[in-house]
Amino acid sequence: MRVYLTGVTALATLMAMSVPVRADDPVTFRLTIKNHTFDPAELAVPAGKRLILIVHNADDTPAEFESHELGAEKIISAGREASIRVGPLTAGHYPFADEFHQDQARGVLIAAGE
C-alpha cells in the first residue's frame, strides 16, 4: 500500500508542477543570421498569435534586426542571440532586415490563418 501512496503523491506533485499551455501563450520561432543572410528567409507564422522570434547571429560581426512593420529593432552582437516579441499579427507579409547589411540580409514573416 505504501508504494501506491508514494506513486499517487509523486503524480500529484508532477501535475502541480506542470504549467498548462494557454491559447494566448506566445509561439516561438527561430531565425539565424549567417553570412549576412537570414535562415529561413521566409518564415510562416500563425496570424492572431503573439510571437517570440529568437534571432541568432552566427556571424562574426554585429547585426541589427529591424522591421518597421513589426515595430521591432534590436542589435545582436556577433555569436549572440536575442528574443524579439511581436504580435498578434493580422494575416499578411511583414518584411525584416539586418539594417547593417540591408543589401543581403532580408526576409519576411508570412502570417496566415486566424
N, C-alpha and C. Protein backbone atom coordinates (compact mmCIF):
# COMPACT_ATOMS: atom_id res chain seq x y z
N MET A 1 0.82 -1.20 0.00
CA MET A 1 0.00 0.00 0.00
C MET A 1 0.86 1.26 0.00
N ARG A 2 1.99 1.22 0.64
CA ARG A 2 2.88 2.38 0.72
C ARG A 2 3.38 2.80 -0.66
N VAL A 3 3.68 1.84 -1.53
CA VAL A 3 4.13 2.15 -2.88
C VAL A 3 3.05 2.89 -3.64
N TYR A 4 1.79 2.48 -3.48
CA TYR A 4 0.67 3.14 -4.15
C TYR A 4 0.56 4.59 -3.68
N LEU A 5 0.63 4.84 -2.41
CA LEU A 5 0.52 6.20 -1.89
C LEU A 5 1.69 7.05 -2.36
N THR A 6 2.88 6.48 -2.41
CA THR A 6 4.04 7.22 -2.89
C THR A 6 3.86 7.58 -4.36
N GLY A 7 3.35 6.65 -5.15
CA GLY A 7 3.11 6.90 -6.57
C GLY A 7 2.06 7.98 -6.78
N VAL A 8 0.99 7.93 -6.00
CA VAL A 8 -0.06 8.94 -6.10
C VAL A 8 0.48 10.30 -5.70
N THR A 9 1.28 10.34 -4.64
CA THR A 9 1.88 11.60 -4.19
C THR A 9 2.82 12.16 -5.25
N ALA A 10 3.62 11.30 -5.86
CA ALA A 10 4.53 11.74 -6.91
C ALA A 10 3.76 12.27 -8.11
N LEU A 11 2.69 11.59 -8.50
CA LEU A 11 1.88 12.03 -9.63
C LEU A 11 1.23 13.38 -9.33
N ALA A 12 0.69 13.54 -8.14
CA ALA A 12 0.06 14.81 -7.75
C ALA A 12 1.09 15.94 -7.76
N THR A 13 2.30 15.66 -7.30
CA THR A 13 3.37 16.67 -7.30
C THR A 13 3.73 17.07 -8.73
N LEU A 14 3.89 16.09 -9.63
CA LEU A 14 4.21 16.39 -11.03
C LEU A 14 3.10 17.20 -11.70
N MET A 15 1.86 16.85 -11.42
CA MET A 15 0.74 17.59 -12.01
C MET A 15 0.71 19.02 -11.51
N ALA A 16 1.03 19.22 -10.25
CA ALA A 16 1.03 20.58 -9.70
C ALA A 16 2.17 21.41 -10.29
N MET A 17 3.27 20.76 -10.65
CA MET A 17 4.42 21.47 -11.20
C MET A 17 4.25 21.80 -12.67
N SER A 18 3.42 21.06 -13.38
CA SER A 18 3.27 21.31 -14.81
C SER A 18 2.48 22.59 -15.03
N VAL A 19 2.86 23.32 -16.07
CA VAL A 19 2.19 24.57 -16.40
C VAL A 19 1.41 24.34 -17.68
N PRO A 20 0.09 24.54 -17.63
CA PRO A 20 -0.68 24.32 -18.86
C PRO A 20 -0.36 25.36 -19.92
N VAL A 21 -0.39 24.94 -21.17
CA VAL A 21 -0.18 25.87 -22.28
C VAL A 21 -1.52 26.50 -22.60
N ARG A 22 -1.55 27.81 -22.56
CA ARG A 22 -2.78 28.53 -22.85
C ARG A 22 -2.79 28.96 -24.31
N ALA A 23 -3.98 29.16 -24.82
CA ALA A 23 -4.13 29.55 -26.23
C ALA A 23 -3.47 30.89 -26.52
N ASP A 24 -3.38 31.77 -25.51
CA ASP A 24 -2.80 33.09 -25.75
C ASP A 24 -1.31 33.15 -25.44
N ASP A 25 -0.69 32.01 -25.10
CA ASP A 25 0.76 31.99 -24.88
C ASP A 25 1.47 32.25 -26.20
N PRO A 26 2.61 32.97 -26.17
CA PRO A 26 3.32 33.23 -27.42
C PRO A 26 3.90 31.94 -28.02
N VAL A 27 4.02 31.95 -29.34
CA VAL A 27 4.61 30.85 -30.09
C VAL A 27 6.03 31.28 -30.47
N THR A 28 7.00 30.39 -30.29
CA THR A 28 8.40 30.73 -30.52
C THR A 28 8.87 30.21 -31.88
N PHE A 29 9.61 31.07 -32.58
CA PHE A 29 10.21 30.73 -33.87
C PHE A 29 11.68 31.16 -33.83
N ARG A 30 12.52 30.46 -34.59
CA ARG A 30 13.96 30.77 -34.62
C ARG A 30 14.37 31.23 -36.01
N LEU A 31 15.24 32.24 -36.02
CA LEU A 31 15.89 32.73 -37.23
C LEU A 31 17.39 32.74 -36.96
N THR A 32 18.18 32.49 -37.99
CA THR A 32 19.63 32.58 -37.87
C THR A 32 20.15 33.54 -38.92
N ILE A 33 21.09 34.37 -38.53
CA ILE A 33 21.80 35.23 -39.47
C ILE A 33 23.18 34.61 -39.65
N LYS A 34 23.49 34.21 -40.88
CA LYS A 34 24.80 33.63 -41.18
C LYS A 34 25.20 34.08 -42.57
N ASN A 35 26.46 34.52 -42.70
CA ASN A 35 26.96 35.07 -43.96
C ASN A 35 26.07 36.22 -44.42
N HIS A 36 25.58 36.98 -43.46
CA HIS A 36 24.74 38.17 -43.70
C HIS A 36 23.47 37.84 -44.48
N THR A 37 22.91 36.66 -44.21
CA THR A 37 21.60 36.29 -44.76
C THR A 37 20.78 35.63 -43.64
N PHE A 38 19.46 35.71 -43.77
CA PHE A 38 18.58 35.08 -42.79
C PHE A 38 18.25 33.66 -43.23
N ASP A 39 18.19 32.77 -42.25
CA ASP A 39 17.76 31.40 -42.49
C ASP A 39 16.71 31.06 -41.43
N PRO A 40 15.48 30.81 -41.82
CA PRO A 40 14.95 30.91 -43.17
C PRO A 40 14.68 32.37 -43.56
N ALA A 41 14.68 32.64 -44.85
CA ALA A 41 14.40 33.99 -45.34
C ALA A 41 12.90 34.26 -45.36
N GLU A 42 12.10 33.21 -45.45
CA GLU A 42 10.64 33.32 -45.35
C GLU A 42 10.19 32.42 -44.21
N LEU A 43 9.45 33.01 -43.29
CA LEU A 43 9.01 32.28 -42.11
C LEU A 43 7.50 32.38 -41.99
N ALA A 44 6.82 31.25 -42.08
CA ALA A 44 5.36 31.21 -41.93
C ALA A 44 5.03 31.17 -40.45
N VAL A 45 4.15 32.08 -40.02
CA VAL A 45 3.73 32.16 -38.62
C VAL A 45 2.21 32.26 -38.56
N PRO A 46 1.62 31.89 -37.43
CA PRO A 46 0.17 31.99 -37.33
C PRO A 46 -0.29 33.42 -37.09
N ALA A 47 -1.30 33.84 -37.82
CA ALA A 47 -1.90 35.15 -37.57
C ALA A 47 -2.70 35.06 -36.27
N GLY A 48 -2.85 36.19 -35.60
CA GLY A 48 -3.66 36.24 -34.40
C GLY A 48 -2.98 35.74 -33.15
N LYS A 49 -1.71 35.39 -33.21
CA LYS A 49 -0.96 34.87 -32.06
C LYS A 49 0.19 35.81 -31.72
N ARG A 50 0.51 35.88 -30.44
CA ARG A 50 1.72 36.58 -30.03
C ARG A 50 2.90 35.68 -30.35
N LEU A 51 4.01 36.28 -30.78
CA LEU A 51 5.18 35.52 -31.22
C LEU A 51 6.42 35.95 -30.46
N ILE A 52 7.33 35.01 -30.31
CA ILE A 52 8.68 35.31 -29.86
C ILE A 52 9.61 34.84 -30.97
N LEU A 53 10.38 35.77 -31.51
CA LEU A 53 11.40 35.43 -32.51
C LEU A 53 12.73 35.35 -31.78
N ILE A 54 13.38 34.20 -31.85
CA ILE A 54 14.73 34.05 -31.32
C ILE A 54 15.65 34.20 -32.52
N VAL A 55 16.42 35.28 -32.55
CA VAL A 55 17.31 35.57 -33.68
C VAL A 55 18.74 35.34 -33.22
N HIS A 56 19.38 34.34 -33.83
CA HIS A 56 20.78 34.01 -33.51
C HIS A 56 21.68 34.61 -34.58
N ASN A 57 22.66 35.38 -34.15
CA ASN A 57 23.63 35.97 -35.07
C ASN A 57 24.87 35.08 -35.10
N ALA A 58 24.98 34.24 -36.12
CA ALA A 58 26.11 33.32 -36.26
C ALA A 58 27.30 33.97 -36.96
N ASP A 59 27.17 35.24 -37.33
CA ASP A 59 28.27 35.95 -37.98
C ASP A 59 29.26 36.47 -36.96
N ASP A 60 30.43 36.91 -37.45
CA ASP A 60 31.45 37.45 -36.54
C ASP A 60 31.39 38.98 -36.46
N THR A 61 30.29 39.56 -36.94
CA THR A 61 30.06 41.00 -36.83
C THR A 61 28.65 41.22 -36.26
N PRO A 62 28.40 42.37 -35.65
CA PRO A 62 27.06 42.64 -35.12
C PRO A 62 26.03 42.73 -36.24
N ALA A 63 24.79 42.53 -35.86
CA ALA A 63 23.65 42.66 -36.79
C ALA A 63 22.58 43.49 -36.09
N GLU A 64 21.72 44.10 -36.90
CA GLU A 64 20.58 44.82 -36.32
C GLU A 64 19.30 44.33 -36.99
N PHE A 65 18.55 43.51 -36.26
CA PHE A 65 17.25 43.06 -36.76
C PHE A 65 16.33 44.27 -36.72
N GLU A 66 15.70 44.57 -37.87
CA GLU A 66 14.80 45.72 -37.92
C GLU A 66 13.62 45.43 -38.84
N SER A 67 12.45 45.83 -38.36
CA SER A 67 11.24 45.75 -39.16
C SER A 67 10.28 46.84 -38.70
N HIS A 68 10.04 47.79 -39.58
CA HIS A 68 9.08 48.85 -39.26
C HIS A 68 7.69 48.25 -39.13
N GLU A 69 7.36 47.28 -40.00
CA GLU A 69 6.04 46.67 -40.00
C GLU A 69 5.77 45.89 -38.71
N LEU A 70 6.81 45.29 -38.14
CA LEU A 70 6.66 44.56 -36.88
C LEU A 70 6.88 45.45 -35.66
N GLY A 71 7.39 46.65 -35.88
CA GLY A 71 7.69 47.53 -34.76
C GLY A 71 8.84 47.00 -33.93
N ALA A 72 9.83 46.41 -34.59
CA ALA A 72 10.94 45.76 -33.87
C ALA A 72 12.28 46.26 -34.38
N GLU A 73 13.20 46.44 -33.43
CA GLU A 73 14.56 46.84 -33.75
C GLU A 73 15.45 46.35 -32.61
N LYS A 74 16.49 45.57 -32.96
CA LYS A 74 17.34 45.00 -31.92
C LYS A 74 18.73 44.74 -32.47
N ILE A 75 19.76 45.27 -31.80
CA ILE A 75 21.14 44.98 -32.17
C ILE A 75 21.53 43.66 -31.51
N ILE A 76 22.16 42.79 -32.30
CA ILE A 76 22.56 41.48 -31.81
C ILE A 76 24.06 41.33 -32.04
N SER A 77 24.80 41.19 -30.97
CA SER A 77 26.25 41.05 -31.06
C SER A 77 26.63 39.76 -31.79
N ALA A 78 27.83 39.73 -32.31
CA ALA A 78 28.34 38.54 -33.00
C ALA A 78 28.28 37.34 -32.07
N GLY A 79 27.77 36.23 -32.60
CA GLY A 79 27.72 34.99 -31.83
C GLY A 79 26.65 34.95 -30.75
N ARG A 80 25.81 35.95 -30.67
CA ARG A 80 24.77 36.02 -29.62
C ARG A 80 23.39 35.86 -30.24
N GLU A 81 22.38 35.83 -29.38
CA GLU A 81 21.02 35.78 -29.85
C GLU A 81 20.15 36.72 -29.04
N ALA A 82 19.02 37.08 -29.62
CA ALA A 82 18.09 38.00 -28.97
C ALA A 82 16.67 37.49 -29.14
N SER A 83 15.84 37.77 -28.16
CA SER A 83 14.41 37.46 -28.22
C SER A 83 13.66 38.72 -28.60
N ILE A 84 12.79 38.60 -29.57
CA ILE A 84 12.01 39.74 -30.04
C ILE A 84 10.54 39.34 -29.98
N ARG A 85 9.76 40.08 -29.22
CA ARG A 85 8.33 39.79 -29.08
C ARG A 85 7.53 40.64 -30.05
N VAL A 86 6.63 39.99 -30.78
CA VAL A 86 5.77 40.70 -31.74
C VAL A 86 4.38 40.10 -31.70
N GLY A 87 3.45 40.85 -32.28
CA GLY A 87 2.10 40.34 -32.47
C GLY A 87 1.18 40.66 -31.31
N PRO A 88 -0.04 40.17 -31.45
CA PRO A 88 -0.53 39.32 -32.53
C PRO A 88 -0.60 40.07 -33.85
N LEU A 89 -0.39 39.33 -34.93
CA LEU A 89 -0.36 39.90 -36.27
C LEU A 89 -1.62 39.55 -37.03
N THR A 90 -2.05 40.45 -37.88
CA THR A 90 -3.11 40.12 -38.83
C THR A 90 -2.46 39.40 -40.01
N ALA A 91 -3.24 38.69 -40.78
CA ALA A 91 -2.69 37.98 -41.94
C ALA A 91 -2.01 38.97 -42.87
N GLY A 92 -0.83 38.60 -43.36
CA GLY A 92 -0.10 39.46 -44.27
C GLY A 92 1.39 39.17 -44.27
N HIS A 93 2.13 40.02 -44.97
CA HIS A 93 3.58 39.90 -45.10
C HIS A 93 4.25 41.00 -44.29
N TYR A 94 5.28 40.62 -43.53
CA TYR A 94 5.98 41.55 -42.66
C TYR A 94 7.48 41.45 -42.94
N PRO A 95 8.01 42.34 -43.77
CA PRO A 95 9.44 42.27 -44.10
C PRO A 95 10.32 42.66 -42.91
N PHE A 96 11.52 42.08 -42.90
CA PHE A 96 12.53 42.43 -41.90
C PHE A 96 13.89 42.40 -42.57
N ALA A 97 14.88 43.01 -41.92
CA ALA A 97 16.23 43.06 -42.50
C ALA A 97 17.25 43.21 -41.38
N ASP A 98 18.49 42.93 -41.72
CA ASP A 98 19.63 43.31 -40.88
C ASP A 98 20.03 44.68 -41.39
N GLU A 99 19.75 45.70 -40.63
CA GLU A 99 19.99 47.06 -41.10
C GLU A 99 21.47 47.31 -41.43
N PHE A 100 22.37 46.56 -40.79
CA PHE A 100 23.79 46.73 -41.08
C PHE A 100 24.18 46.12 -42.42
N HIS A 101 23.36 45.22 -42.96
CA HIS A 101 23.65 44.54 -44.23
C HIS A 101 22.38 44.41 -45.05
N GLN A 102 21.69 45.52 -45.26
CA GLN A 102 20.39 45.51 -45.94
C GLN A 102 20.42 44.97 -47.35
N ASP A 103 21.56 45.10 -48.01
CA ASP A 103 21.65 44.61 -49.39
C ASP A 103 21.57 43.09 -49.46
N GLN A 104 21.94 42.37 -48.38
CA GLN A 104 21.96 40.92 -48.37
C GLN A 104 20.93 40.31 -47.43
N ALA A 105 20.88 40.82 -46.22
CA ALA A 105 20.09 40.18 -45.15
C ALA A 105 18.68 40.73 -45.11
N ARG A 106 17.79 40.06 -45.85
CA ARG A 106 16.38 40.46 -45.90
C ARG A 106 15.53 39.21 -45.75
N GLY A 107 14.36 39.39 -45.17
CA GLY A 107 13.44 38.27 -45.01
C GLY A 107 12.03 38.77 -44.81
N VAL A 108 11.11 37.82 -44.62
CA VAL A 108 9.71 38.19 -44.44
C VAL A 108 9.02 37.15 -43.56
N LEU A 109 8.21 37.65 -42.62
CA LEU A 109 7.28 36.81 -41.89
C LEU A 109 5.99 36.79 -42.69
N ILE A 110 5.42 35.62 -42.86
CA ILE A 110 4.15 35.49 -43.55
C ILE A 110 3.14 34.95 -42.55
N ALA A 111 2.26 35.85 -42.10
CA ALA A 111 1.23 35.47 -41.12
C ALA A 111 -0.01 35.01 -41.88
N ALA A 112 -0.49 33.83 -41.53
CA ALA A 112 -1.66 33.28 -42.21
C ALA A 112 -2.59 32.60 -41.21
N GLY A 113 -3.83 32.43 -41.61
CA GLY A 113 -4.81 31.77 -40.76
C GLY A 113 -5.40 32.75 -39.76
N GLU A 114 -6.19 32.26 -38.84
CA GLU A 114 -6.73 33.02 -37.69
C GLU A 114 -7.82 32.29 -37.08
